[in-house]
Amino acid sequence: MTTTTRPSRRAHPAYRCARASAVLLGIATASSLVAPPVAQAAAAPKSPAAAICGKISTASVSAIVGYSLPAPTADTTSLKATKANDEISSVVTSCTYGAYTLAALPKDVILDYAVTSRPLTPAEVTKGLSQAQKIKMHIVPYHGLGMTAYYYSFTETGITIQGISGTEGVKEYGAAVYTKTTPKSTLASLVQLAEKL
């Protein structure tokens, strides 16, 4: 397992839009998915993010999606509290199973765990849903995970990203893929794995 940062992804305009949605909607995963990575960064020493990702076996993720995956790459993103995100800060840990190449993206799997500075209010969720529609994110409630959850999908630079993210208080759990062919039930099973992070 390696820990990496991907500055080119963070600089992408869609990343900034999805980052706001991550805090407002409890969709932590969306903050990790825009601007598809094209090359893996150099490995860094083991970090707290890598330790978090190590809580889930790669074999269990592979079993859910039905194909073999490599060990995850860990990444942590800190989102500061700002006026635009209703003064909510968060720390998002992403575990990406797959290679950072355009050819490999359709098989990549991302699990996320985030902690926000406070729970979202109903008004903030409504506001976040409205903002997501403006950036053409399709979002609908998802039931059956025992928490407030949303299924989302959006297309960026010709690549469809879909996932499910759920919230329990200040904790958020998510799973996402860079393909439109993964069933929602598979994404939900991945979110249940993410709850172990």
N, C-alpha and C. Protein backbone atom coordinates (compact mmCIF):
# COMPACT_ATOMS: atom_id res chain seq x y z
N MET A 1 0.84 -1.17 0.00
CA MET A 1 0.00 0.00 0.00
C MET A 1 0.89 1.23 0.00
N THR A 2 0.54 2.21 -0.82
CA THR A 2 1.32 3.43 -0.87
C THR A 2 0.46 4.62 -0.53
N THR A 3 1.10 5.67 -0.11
CA THR A 3 0.41 6.92 0.17
C THR A 3 0.88 7.92 -0.85
N THR A 4 -0.05 8.66 -1.40
CA THR A 4 0.32 9.58 -2.46
C THR A 4 -0.54 10.83 -2.42
N THR A 5 -0.04 11.86 -3.01
CA THR A 5 -0.86 13.05 -3.25
C THR A 5 -0.88 13.28 -4.73
N ARG A 6 -1.97 13.85 -5.23
CA ARG A 6 -2.12 14.04 -6.65
C ARG A 6 -2.48 15.50 -6.92
N PRO A 7 -1.48 16.41 -6.91
CA PRO A 7 -1.78 17.81 -7.06
C PRO A 7 -2.50 18.17 -8.35
N SER A 8 -2.24 17.47 -9.44
CA SER A 8 -2.90 17.81 -10.69
C SER A 8 -4.40 17.59 -10.59
N ARG A 9 -4.81 16.59 -9.84
CA ARG A 9 -6.24 16.33 -9.67
C ARG A 9 -6.87 17.42 -8.84
N ARG A 10 -6.19 17.85 -7.78
CA ARG A 10 -6.76 18.86 -6.90
C ARG A 10 -6.89 20.22 -7.61
N ALA A 11 -6.09 20.45 -8.63
CA ALA A 11 -6.13 21.73 -9.33
C ALA A 11 -7.27 21.79 -10.34
N HIS A 12 -7.85 20.67 -10.67
CA HIS A 12 -8.89 20.62 -11.69
C HIS A 12 -10.15 21.34 -11.21
N PRO A 13 -10.78 22.17 -12.06
CA PRO A 13 -11.98 22.91 -11.63
C PRO A 13 -13.09 22.02 -11.09
N ALA A 14 -13.28 20.85 -11.69
CA ALA A 14 -14.35 19.97 -11.21
C ALA A 14 -14.08 19.46 -9.82
N TYR A 15 -12.79 19.30 -9.46
CA TYR A 15 -12.45 18.89 -8.11
C TYR A 15 -12.97 19.91 -7.13
N ARG A 16 -12.79 21.20 -7.45
CA ARG A 16 -13.22 22.24 -6.52
C ARG A 16 -14.74 22.22 -6.35
N CYS A 17 -15.48 21.97 -7.43
CA CYS A 17 -16.95 21.91 -7.33
C CYS A 17 -17.37 20.71 -6.49
N ALA A 18 -16.78 19.57 -6.77
CA ALA A 18 -17.15 18.36 -6.03
C ALA A 18 -16.73 18.46 -4.59
N ARG A 19 -15.65 19.19 -4.32
CA ARG A 19 -15.18 19.34 -2.94
C ARG A 19 -16.25 20.02 -2.11
N ALA A 20 -16.89 21.05 -2.64
CA ALA A 20 -17.96 21.73 -1.92
C ALA A 20 -19.12 20.77 -1.69
N SER A 21 -19.45 19.98 -2.70
CA SER A 21 -20.54 19.02 -2.55
C SER A 21 -20.23 17.98 -1.49
N ALA A 22 -18.96 17.63 -1.36
CA ALA A 22 -18.58 16.62 -0.38
C ALA A 22 -19.00 17.04 1.01
N VAL A 23 -18.76 18.29 1.35
CA VAL A 23 -19.11 18.76 2.68
C VAL A 23 -20.60 18.99 2.80
N LEU A 24 -21.21 19.59 1.80
CA LEU A 24 -22.62 19.95 1.92
C LEU A 24 -23.55 18.76 1.85
N LEU A 25 -23.15 17.72 1.16
CA LEU A 25 -24.04 16.59 0.93
C LEU A 25 -23.63 15.32 1.64
N GLY A 26 -22.48 15.33 2.26
CA GLY A 26 -22.01 14.07 2.83
C GLY A 26 -21.51 13.15 1.74
N ILE A 27 -21.10 13.70 0.61
CA ILE A 27 -20.59 12.88 -0.47
C ILE A 27 -19.08 13.04 -0.49
N ALA A 28 -18.42 12.40 0.45
CA ALA A 28 -16.98 12.53 0.56
C ALA A 28 -16.29 11.98 -0.67
N THR A 29 -16.83 10.91 -1.20
CA THR A 29 -16.19 10.26 -2.33
C THR A 29 -16.05 11.18 -3.52
N ALA A 30 -17.04 12.01 -3.78
CA ALA A 30 -17.00 12.85 -4.97
C ALA A 30 -15.78 13.75 -4.97
N SER A 31 -15.28 14.11 -3.81
CA SER A 31 -14.11 15.00 -3.76
C SER A 31 -12.86 14.31 -4.27
N SER A 32 -12.90 13.00 -4.41
CA SER A 32 -11.71 12.26 -4.81
C SER A 32 -11.72 11.82 -6.26
N LEU A 33 -12.79 12.10 -6.98
CA LEU A 33 -12.97 11.39 -8.23
C LEU A 33 -12.84 12.17 -9.51
N VAL A 34 -12.81 13.48 -9.47
CA VAL A 34 -12.79 14.22 -10.71
C VAL A 34 -11.38 14.27 -11.30
N ALA A 35 -11.29 14.66 -12.53
CA ALA A 35 -10.02 14.75 -13.25
C ALA A 35 -9.25 13.44 -13.14
N PRO A 36 -9.57 12.46 -13.95
CA PRO A 36 -8.95 11.14 -13.83
C PRO A 36 -7.44 11.22 -13.78
N PRO A 37 -6.82 10.51 -12.83
CA PRO A 37 -5.37 10.52 -12.73
C PRO A 37 -4.75 9.82 -13.93
N VAL A 38 -3.59 10.28 -14.36
CA VAL A 38 -2.95 9.67 -15.52
C VAL A 38 -1.61 9.02 -15.18
N ALA A 39 -1.09 9.27 -14.00
CA ALA A 39 0.18 8.62 -13.62
C ALA A 39 0.26 8.55 -12.12
N GLN A 40 0.72 7.43 -11.59
CA GLN A 40 0.83 7.28 -10.14
C GLN A 40 2.02 8.07 -9.63
N ALA A 41 1.79 8.78 -8.54
CA ALA A 41 2.87 9.55 -7.93
C ALA A 41 3.83 8.61 -7.21
N ALA A 42 4.98 9.12 -6.86
CA ALA A 42 5.97 8.31 -6.15
C ALA A 42 5.45 7.88 -4.79
N ALA A 43 5.81 6.70 -4.38
CA ALA A 43 5.36 6.18 -3.09
C ALA A 43 5.99 6.98 -1.96
N ALA A 44 5.20 7.17 -0.91
CA ALA A 44 5.68 7.88 0.27
C ALA A 44 5.70 6.91 1.44
N PRO A 45 6.34 7.28 2.54
CA PRO A 45 6.35 6.40 3.70
C PRO A 45 4.94 6.13 4.21
N LYS A 46 4.77 5.05 4.94
CA LYS A 46 3.47 4.69 5.48
C LYS A 46 2.94 5.83 6.34
N SER A 47 1.67 6.15 6.15
CA SER A 47 1.05 7.28 6.83
C SER A 47 -0.19 6.83 7.58
N PRO A 48 -0.80 7.74 8.35
CA PRO A 48 -2.07 7.39 8.99
C PRO A 48 -3.12 6.97 7.97
N ALA A 49 -3.13 7.59 6.78
CA ALA A 49 -4.09 7.22 5.74
C ALA A 49 -3.88 5.77 5.31
N ALA A 50 -2.62 5.38 5.14
CA ALA A 50 -2.32 4.01 4.75
C ALA A 50 -2.77 3.03 5.83
N ALA A 51 -2.61 3.41 7.08
CA ALA A 51 -3.06 2.54 8.18
C ALA A 51 -4.57 2.39 8.16
N ILE A 52 -5.28 3.46 7.84
CA ILE A 52 -6.74 3.39 7.76
C ILE A 52 -7.15 2.45 6.64
N CYS A 53 -6.53 2.60 5.46
CA CYS A 53 -6.88 1.73 4.33
C CYS A 53 -6.54 0.27 4.60
N GLY A 54 -5.53 0.04 5.43
CA GLY A 54 -5.13 -1.31 5.78
C GLY A 54 -6.17 -2.08 6.59
N LYS A 55 -7.21 -1.39 7.06
CA LYS A 55 -8.25 -2.06 7.85
C LYS A 55 -9.15 -2.95 6.99
N ILE A 56 -9.08 -2.77 5.67
CA ILE A 56 -9.93 -3.56 4.76
C ILE A 56 -9.02 -4.38 3.86
N SER A 57 -9.29 -5.66 3.75
CA SER A 57 -8.46 -6.50 2.88
C SER A 57 -8.82 -6.26 1.42
N THR A 58 -7.79 -6.24 0.59
CA THR A 58 -8.00 -6.07 -0.85
C THR A 58 -8.86 -7.21 -1.39
N ALA A 59 -8.70 -8.39 -0.84
CA ALA A 59 -9.47 -9.56 -1.30
C ALA A 59 -10.97 -9.34 -1.10
N SER A 60 -11.35 -8.69 -0.01
CA SER A 60 -12.79 -8.47 0.23
C SER A 60 -13.37 -7.46 -0.75
N VAL A 61 -12.59 -6.46 -1.14
CA VAL A 61 -13.05 -5.50 -2.15
C VAL A 61 -13.16 -6.21 -3.49
N SER A 62 -12.15 -7.00 -3.83
CA SER A 62 -12.16 -7.75 -5.09
C SER A 62 -13.35 -8.69 -5.18
N ALA A 63 -13.68 -9.34 -4.06
CA ALA A 63 -14.80 -10.28 -4.05
C ALA A 63 -16.12 -9.58 -4.37
N ILE A 64 -16.28 -8.37 -3.91
CA ILE A 64 -17.53 -7.63 -4.16
C ILE A 64 -17.64 -7.22 -5.63
N VAL A 65 -16.56 -6.73 -6.21
CA VAL A 65 -16.64 -6.26 -7.60
C VAL A 65 -16.47 -7.39 -8.61
N GLY A 66 -15.92 -8.51 -8.19
CA GLY A 66 -15.83 -9.67 -9.08
C GLY A 66 -14.57 -9.74 -9.93
N TYR A 67 -13.56 -8.98 -9.59
CA TYR A 67 -12.27 -9.07 -10.29
C TYR A 67 -11.16 -8.67 -9.33
N SER A 68 -9.95 -9.11 -9.67
CA SER A 68 -8.81 -8.89 -8.79
C SER A 68 -8.34 -7.44 -8.83
N LEU A 69 -8.08 -6.90 -7.65
CA LEU A 69 -7.60 -5.52 -7.51
C LEU A 69 -6.25 -5.49 -6.82
N PRO A 70 -5.44 -4.47 -7.11
CA PRO A 70 -4.18 -4.33 -6.39
C PRO A 70 -4.41 -3.73 -5.01
N ALA A 71 -3.39 -3.73 -4.17
CA ALA A 71 -3.48 -3.08 -2.86
C ALA A 71 -3.81 -1.60 -3.07
N PRO A 72 -4.49 -0.99 -2.10
CA PRO A 72 -4.91 0.40 -2.28
C PRO A 72 -3.78 1.42 -2.15
N THR A 73 -4.02 2.54 -2.78
CA THR A 73 -3.19 3.72 -2.59
C THR A 73 -3.98 4.64 -1.67
N ALA A 74 -3.36 5.13 -0.61
CA ALA A 74 -4.06 5.96 0.38
C ALA A 74 -3.78 7.44 0.13
N ASP A 75 -4.79 8.24 0.39
CA ASP A 75 -4.66 9.69 0.20
C ASP A 75 -5.55 10.39 1.23
N THR A 76 -5.04 11.45 1.81
CA THR A 76 -5.84 12.23 2.76
C THR A 76 -5.97 13.66 2.25
N THR A 77 -7.21 14.17 2.29
CA THR A 77 -7.49 15.54 1.88
C THR A 77 -8.15 16.27 3.05
N SER A 78 -7.61 17.41 3.43
CA SER A 78 -8.22 18.23 4.48
C SER A 78 -8.94 19.39 3.81
N LEU A 79 -10.22 19.51 4.09
CA LEU A 79 -11.03 20.59 3.53
C LEU A 79 -11.31 21.60 4.64
N LYS A 80 -10.87 22.82 4.45
CA LYS A 80 -11.03 23.85 5.47
C LYS A 80 -12.46 24.37 5.52
N ALA A 81 -12.86 24.83 6.69
CA ALA A 81 -14.17 25.47 6.84
C ALA A 81 -14.13 26.83 6.16
N THR A 82 -15.11 27.07 5.28
CA THR A 82 -15.21 28.35 4.59
C THR A 82 -16.67 28.78 4.57
N LYS A 83 -16.88 30.01 4.17
CA LYS A 83 -18.25 30.50 4.04
C LYS A 83 -19.04 29.67 3.02
N ALA A 84 -18.36 29.29 1.94
CA ALA A 84 -19.02 28.54 0.86
C ALA A 84 -19.50 27.17 1.31
N ASN A 85 -18.85 26.57 2.30
CA ASN A 85 -19.29 25.25 2.76
C ASN A 85 -19.89 25.30 4.17
N ASP A 86 -20.47 26.45 4.49
CA ASP A 86 -21.17 26.62 5.77
C ASP A 86 -20.28 26.38 6.98
N GLU A 87 -19.00 26.74 6.82
CA GLU A 87 -18.03 26.64 7.93
C GLU A 87 -17.89 25.22 8.47
N ILE A 88 -17.99 24.25 7.57
CA ILE A 88 -17.79 22.85 7.96
C ILE A 88 -16.44 22.40 7.40
N SER A 89 -15.57 21.93 8.24
CA SER A 89 -14.30 21.37 7.78
C SER A 89 -14.41 19.85 7.78
N SER A 90 -13.54 19.21 7.02
CA SER A 90 -13.55 17.75 7.01
C SER A 90 -12.18 17.22 6.64
N VAL A 91 -11.94 15.98 7.05
CA VAL A 91 -10.73 15.26 6.64
C VAL A 91 -11.22 13.99 5.95
N VAL A 92 -10.83 13.84 4.68
CA VAL A 92 -11.29 12.72 3.86
C VAL A 92 -10.12 11.80 3.57
N THR A 93 -10.26 10.53 3.93
CA THR A 93 -9.26 9.52 3.59
C THR A 93 -9.82 8.67 2.46
N SER A 94 -9.08 8.60 1.36
CA SER A 94 -9.49 7.81 0.20
C SER A 94 -8.57 6.63 0.02
N CYS A 95 -9.15 5.48 -0.26
CA CYS A 95 -8.40 4.26 -0.55
C CYS A 95 -8.74 3.87 -1.98
N THR A 96 -7.78 4.03 -2.89
CA THR A 96 -8.02 3.76 -4.31
C THR A 96 -7.40 2.42 -4.68
N TYR A 97 -8.24 1.51 -5.16
CA TYR A 97 -7.81 0.19 -5.59
C TYR A 97 -7.76 0.22 -7.12
N GLY A 98 -6.57 0.28 -7.68
CA GLY A 98 -6.44 0.30 -9.13
C GLY A 98 -5.32 1.20 -9.57
N ALA A 99 -4.98 1.08 -10.85
CA ALA A 99 -3.87 1.85 -11.42
C ALA A 99 -4.35 3.24 -11.84
N TYR A 100 -3.45 4.20 -11.78
CA TYR A 100 -3.78 5.56 -12.17
C TYR A 100 -3.50 5.78 -13.65
N THR A 101 -4.20 5.04 -14.50
CA THR A 101 -4.09 5.23 -15.94
C THR A 101 -5.49 5.30 -16.51
N LEU A 102 -5.63 5.99 -17.63
CA LEU A 102 -6.96 6.11 -18.25
C LEU A 102 -7.51 4.74 -18.64
N ALA A 103 -6.64 3.85 -19.10
CA ALA A 103 -7.09 2.52 -19.50
C ALA A 103 -7.63 1.72 -18.32
N ALA A 104 -7.05 1.93 -17.13
CA ALA A 104 -7.44 1.15 -15.95
C ALA A 104 -8.63 1.72 -15.20
N LEU A 105 -8.98 2.98 -15.45
CA LEU A 105 -10.03 3.63 -14.66
C LEU A 105 -11.34 2.85 -14.55
N PRO A 106 -11.84 2.22 -15.62
CA PRO A 106 -13.12 1.52 -15.49
C PRO A 106 -13.14 0.42 -14.44
N LYS A 107 -11.96 -0.05 -14.01
CA LYS A 107 -11.92 -1.09 -12.97
C LYS A 107 -11.47 -0.56 -11.63
N ASP A 108 -11.15 0.71 -11.53
CA ASP A 108 -10.73 1.29 -10.25
C ASP A 108 -11.90 1.35 -9.28
N VAL A 109 -11.61 1.18 -8.00
CA VAL A 109 -12.60 1.28 -6.93
C VAL A 109 -12.05 2.22 -5.87
N ILE A 110 -12.90 3.12 -5.40
CA ILE A 110 -12.47 4.06 -4.37
C ILE A 110 -13.38 3.91 -3.16
N LEU A 111 -12.77 3.71 -1.99
CA LEU A 111 -13.51 3.73 -0.73
C LEU A 111 -13.05 4.96 0.04
N ASP A 112 -14.01 5.63 0.67
CA ASP A 112 -13.69 6.85 1.41
C ASP A 112 -14.25 6.82 2.82
N TYR A 113 -13.52 7.49 3.69
CA TYR A 113 -13.97 7.70 5.06
C TYR A 113 -13.67 9.16 5.39
N ALA A 114 -14.66 9.87 5.91
CA ALA A 114 -14.46 11.28 6.24
C ALA A 114 -15.04 11.60 7.60
N VAL A 115 -14.43 12.57 8.23
CA VAL A 115 -14.94 13.09 9.50
C VAL A 115 -15.12 14.60 9.31
N THR A 116 -16.33 15.07 9.57
CA THR A 116 -16.62 16.50 9.44
C THR A 116 -16.65 17.15 10.82
N SER A 117 -16.53 18.47 10.83
CA SER A 117 -16.46 19.18 12.11
C SER A 117 -17.80 19.20 12.84
N ARG A 118 -18.88 19.00 12.12
CA ARG A 118 -20.20 18.89 12.74
C ARG A 118 -21.15 18.23 11.76
N PRO A 119 -22.28 17.69 12.25
CA PRO A 119 -23.25 17.08 11.33
C PRO A 119 -23.90 18.15 10.44
N LEU A 120 -24.39 17.72 9.30
CA LEU A 120 -25.13 18.61 8.41
C LEU A 120 -26.54 18.83 8.92
N THR A 121 -27.05 20.03 8.73
CA THR A 121 -28.45 20.31 9.06
C THR A 121 -29.31 20.00 7.83
N PRO A 122 -30.63 19.78 8.01
CA PRO A 122 -31.49 19.56 6.84
C PRO A 122 -31.40 20.70 5.82
N ALA A 123 -31.29 21.93 6.29
CA ALA A 123 -31.19 23.07 5.37
C ALA A 123 -29.91 22.99 4.54
N GLU A 124 -28.81 22.54 5.16
CA GLU A 124 -27.54 22.43 4.44
C GLU A 124 -27.60 21.32 3.40
N VAL A 125 -28.30 20.23 3.73
CA VAL A 125 -28.46 19.15 2.76
C VAL A 125 -29.25 19.65 1.56
N THR A 126 -30.34 20.39 1.83
CA THR A 126 -31.15 20.94 0.74
C THR A 126 -30.32 21.88 -0.12
N LYS A 127 -29.55 22.73 0.51
CA LYS A 127 -28.68 23.66 -0.22
C LYS A 127 -27.67 22.89 -1.06
N GLY A 128 -27.09 21.85 -0.49
CA GLY A 128 -26.11 21.05 -1.21
C GLY A 128 -26.71 20.36 -2.41
N LEU A 129 -27.93 19.83 -2.27
CA LEU A 129 -28.61 19.20 -3.39
C LEU A 129 -28.82 20.20 -4.52
N SER A 130 -29.20 21.40 -4.17
CA SER A 130 -29.40 22.45 -5.17
C SER A 130 -28.09 22.78 -5.89
N GLN A 131 -27.01 22.90 -5.14
CA GLN A 131 -25.71 23.19 -5.75
C GLN A 131 -25.25 22.05 -6.65
N ALA A 132 -25.50 20.82 -6.24
CA ALA A 132 -25.09 19.67 -7.04
C ALA A 132 -25.81 19.66 -8.38
N GLN A 133 -27.09 20.04 -8.40
CA GLN A 133 -27.83 20.10 -9.65
C GLN A 133 -27.21 21.13 -10.60
N LYS A 134 -26.68 22.20 -10.05
CA LYS A 134 -26.06 23.24 -10.89
C LYS A 134 -24.80 22.74 -11.57
N ILE A 135 -24.09 21.79 -10.95
CA ILE A 135 -22.90 21.24 -11.59
C ILE A 135 -23.21 19.89 -12.25
N LYS A 136 -24.52 19.67 -12.48
CA LYS A 136 -25.01 18.51 -13.23
C LYS A 136 -24.69 17.17 -12.58
N MET A 137 -24.71 17.14 -11.25
CA MET A 137 -24.63 15.86 -10.54
C MET A 137 -26.04 15.32 -10.38
N HIS A 138 -26.23 14.07 -10.72
CA HIS A 138 -27.51 13.39 -10.49
C HIS A 138 -27.43 12.76 -9.10
N ILE A 139 -28.32 13.16 -8.20
CA ILE A 139 -28.29 12.65 -6.83
C ILE A 139 -29.69 12.23 -6.41
N VAL A 140 -29.79 11.03 -5.86
CA VAL A 140 -31.07 10.55 -5.32
C VAL A 140 -30.80 9.85 -3.99
N PRO A 141 -31.77 9.89 -3.07
CA PRO A 141 -31.59 9.16 -1.81
C PRO A 141 -31.41 7.67 -2.06
N TYR A 142 -30.60 7.03 -1.23
CA TYR A 142 -30.41 5.59 -1.32
C TYR A 142 -30.77 5.00 0.04
N HIS A 143 -31.69 4.03 0.04
CA HIS A 143 -32.16 3.43 1.28
C HIS A 143 -31.59 2.02 1.45
N GLY A 144 -31.49 1.58 2.68
CA GLY A 144 -31.05 0.22 2.94
C GLY A 144 -29.70 0.09 3.60
N LEU A 145 -29.04 1.21 3.88
CA LEU A 145 -27.73 1.15 4.53
C LEU A 145 -27.80 1.48 6.02
N GLY A 146 -28.98 1.83 6.52
CA GLY A 146 -29.10 2.16 7.94
C GLY A 146 -28.55 3.51 8.30
N MET A 147 -28.35 4.37 7.31
CA MET A 147 -27.87 5.74 7.53
C MET A 147 -28.42 6.60 6.40
N THR A 148 -28.30 7.91 6.54
CA THR A 148 -28.71 8.79 5.46
C THR A 148 -27.71 8.63 4.33
N ALA A 149 -28.19 8.21 3.17
CA ALA A 149 -27.27 7.93 2.06
C ALA A 149 -27.83 8.45 0.75
N TYR A 150 -26.91 8.74 -0.17
CA TYR A 150 -27.26 9.22 -1.49
C TYR A 150 -26.47 8.46 -2.55
N TYR A 151 -27.17 8.14 -3.64
CA TYR A 151 -26.50 7.66 -4.85
C TYR A 151 -26.26 8.88 -5.72
N TYR A 152 -25.06 8.97 -6.33
CA TYR A 152 -24.79 10.10 -7.21
C TYR A 152 -24.06 9.62 -8.46
N SER A 153 -24.19 10.40 -9.52
CA SER A 153 -23.41 10.16 -10.72
C SER A 153 -23.21 11.48 -11.43
N PHE A 154 -22.09 11.61 -12.11
CA PHE A 154 -21.83 12.78 -12.94
C PHE A 154 -20.77 12.41 -13.96
N THR A 155 -20.69 13.19 -15.00
CA THR A 155 -19.72 12.94 -16.07
C THR A 155 -18.76 14.11 -16.14
N GLU A 156 -17.49 13.81 -16.16
CA GLU A 156 -16.44 14.83 -16.24
C GLU A 156 -15.43 14.38 -17.28
N THR A 157 -15.13 15.26 -18.22
CA THR A 157 -14.20 14.97 -19.32
C THR A 157 -14.51 13.62 -19.98
N GLY A 158 -15.80 13.36 -20.18
CA GLY A 158 -16.23 12.15 -20.88
C GLY A 158 -16.23 10.88 -20.06
N ILE A 159 -15.93 10.96 -18.77
CA ILE A 159 -15.90 9.77 -17.92
C ILE A 159 -16.99 9.88 -16.87
N THR A 160 -17.83 8.84 -16.77
CA THR A 160 -18.89 8.83 -15.78
C THR A 160 -18.36 8.31 -14.45
N ILE A 161 -18.70 9.01 -13.40
CA ILE A 161 -18.32 8.64 -12.04
C ILE A 161 -19.62 8.39 -11.28
N GLN A 162 -19.72 7.28 -10.60
CA GLN A 162 -20.91 7.03 -9.79
C GLN A 162 -20.50 6.45 -8.45
N GLY A 163 -21.36 6.69 -7.47
CA GLY A 163 -21.05 6.18 -6.15
C GLY A 163 -22.21 6.34 -5.19
N ILE A 164 -22.01 5.87 -3.99
CA ILE A 164 -22.96 6.04 -2.90
C ILE A 164 -22.17 6.54 -1.70
N SER A 165 -22.73 7.53 -1.02
CA SER A 165 -22.11 8.05 0.19
C SER A 165 -23.18 8.17 1.27
N GLY A 166 -22.81 7.76 2.47
CA GLY A 166 -23.75 7.82 3.58
C GLY A 166 -23.15 8.53 4.78
N THR A 167 -24.00 9.12 5.60
CA THR A 167 -23.54 9.85 6.78
C THR A 167 -24.20 9.33 8.05
N GLU A 168 -23.40 9.33 9.11
CA GLU A 168 -23.89 9.04 10.46
C GLU A 168 -23.24 10.08 11.37
N GLY A 169 -23.98 11.11 11.71
CA GLY A 169 -23.41 12.17 12.54
C GLY A 169 -22.31 12.89 11.80
N VAL A 170 -21.09 12.86 12.36
CA VAL A 170 -19.96 13.54 11.72
C VAL A 170 -19.12 12.60 10.86
N LYS A 171 -19.55 11.35 10.73
CA LYS A 171 -18.80 10.39 9.93
C LYS A 171 -19.49 10.15 8.59
N GLU A 172 -18.69 10.04 7.54
CA GLU A 172 -19.18 9.79 6.20
C GLU A 172 -18.44 8.59 5.62
N TYR A 173 -19.17 7.74 4.90
CA TYR A 173 -18.58 6.56 4.27
C TYR A 173 -19.01 6.54 2.82
N GLY A 174 -18.09 6.24 1.92
CA GLY A 174 -18.46 6.25 0.51
C GLY A 174 -17.72 5.23 -0.31
N ALA A 175 -18.29 4.95 -1.47
CA ALA A 175 -17.65 4.08 -2.47
C ALA A 175 -18.01 4.62 -3.84
N ALA A 176 -17.05 4.56 -4.75
CA ALA A 176 -17.29 5.07 -6.09
C ALA A 176 -16.44 4.35 -7.11
N VAL A 177 -16.90 4.45 -8.36
CA VAL A 177 -16.21 3.84 -9.49
C VAL A 177 -16.26 4.79 -10.68
N TYR A 178 -15.36 4.57 -11.63
CA TYR A 178 -15.30 5.38 -12.85
C TYR A 178 -16.00 4.66 -14.00
N THR A 179 -17.19 4.15 -13.77
CA THR A 179 -17.93 3.45 -14.82
C THR A 179 -19.41 3.53 -14.52
N LYS A 180 -20.25 3.47 -15.55
CA LYS A 180 -21.69 3.48 -15.31
C LYS A 180 -22.28 2.09 -15.24
N THR A 181 -21.47 1.04 -15.34
CA THR A 181 -22.00 -0.33 -15.40
C THR A 181 -22.08 -1.03 -14.05
N THR A 182 -21.51 -0.45 -13.02
CA THR A 182 -21.55 -1.09 -11.69
C THR A 182 -22.92 -0.91 -11.07
N PRO A 183 -23.58 -1.99 -10.64
CA PRO A 183 -24.91 -1.86 -10.03
C PRO A 183 -24.86 -1.11 -8.69
N LYS A 184 -25.97 -0.47 -8.36
CA LYS A 184 -26.06 0.25 -7.08
C LYS A 184 -25.87 -0.70 -5.90
N SER A 185 -26.36 -1.92 -6.05
CA SER A 185 -26.23 -2.89 -4.94
C SER A 185 -24.75 -3.19 -4.66
N THR A 186 -23.93 -3.23 -5.70
CA THR A 186 -22.49 -3.45 -5.51
C THR A 186 -21.87 -2.26 -4.80
N LEU A 187 -22.26 -1.05 -5.21
CA LEU A 187 -21.75 0.15 -4.54
C LEU A 187 -22.15 0.15 -3.06
N ALA A 188 -23.39 -0.26 -2.78
CA ALA A 188 -23.86 -0.30 -1.39
C ALA A 188 -23.03 -1.29 -0.57
N SER A 189 -22.69 -2.44 -1.15
CA SER A 189 -21.84 -3.42 -0.44
C SER A 189 -20.46 -2.84 -0.17
N LEU A 190 -19.96 -2.05 -1.11
CA LEU A 190 -18.66 -1.40 -0.91
C LEU A 190 -18.72 -0.36 0.20
N VAL A 191 -19.84 0.36 0.29
CA VAL A 191 -20.01 1.34 1.37
C VAL A 191 -19.99 0.62 2.72
N GLN A 192 -20.63 -0.54 2.79
CA GLN A 192 -20.62 -1.30 4.04
C GLN A 192 -19.19 -1.70 4.41
N LEU A 193 -18.36 -1.99 3.42
CA LEU A 193 -16.94 -2.24 3.72
C LEU A 193 -16.27 -0.97 4.23
N ALA A 194 -16.59 0.16 3.59
CA ALA A 194 -15.98 1.44 3.97
C ALA A 194 -16.29 1.80 5.42
N GLU A 195 -17.39 1.27 5.95
CA GLU A 195 -17.74 1.54 7.36
C GLU A 195 -16.70 0.96 8.32
N LYS A 196 -15.84 0.08 7.83
CA LYS A 196 -14.79 -0.48 8.69
C LYS A 196 -13.55 0.43 8.76
N LEU A 197 -13.51 1.45 7.91
CA LEU A 197 -12.34 2.33 7.88
C LEU A 197 -12.26 3.18 9.14
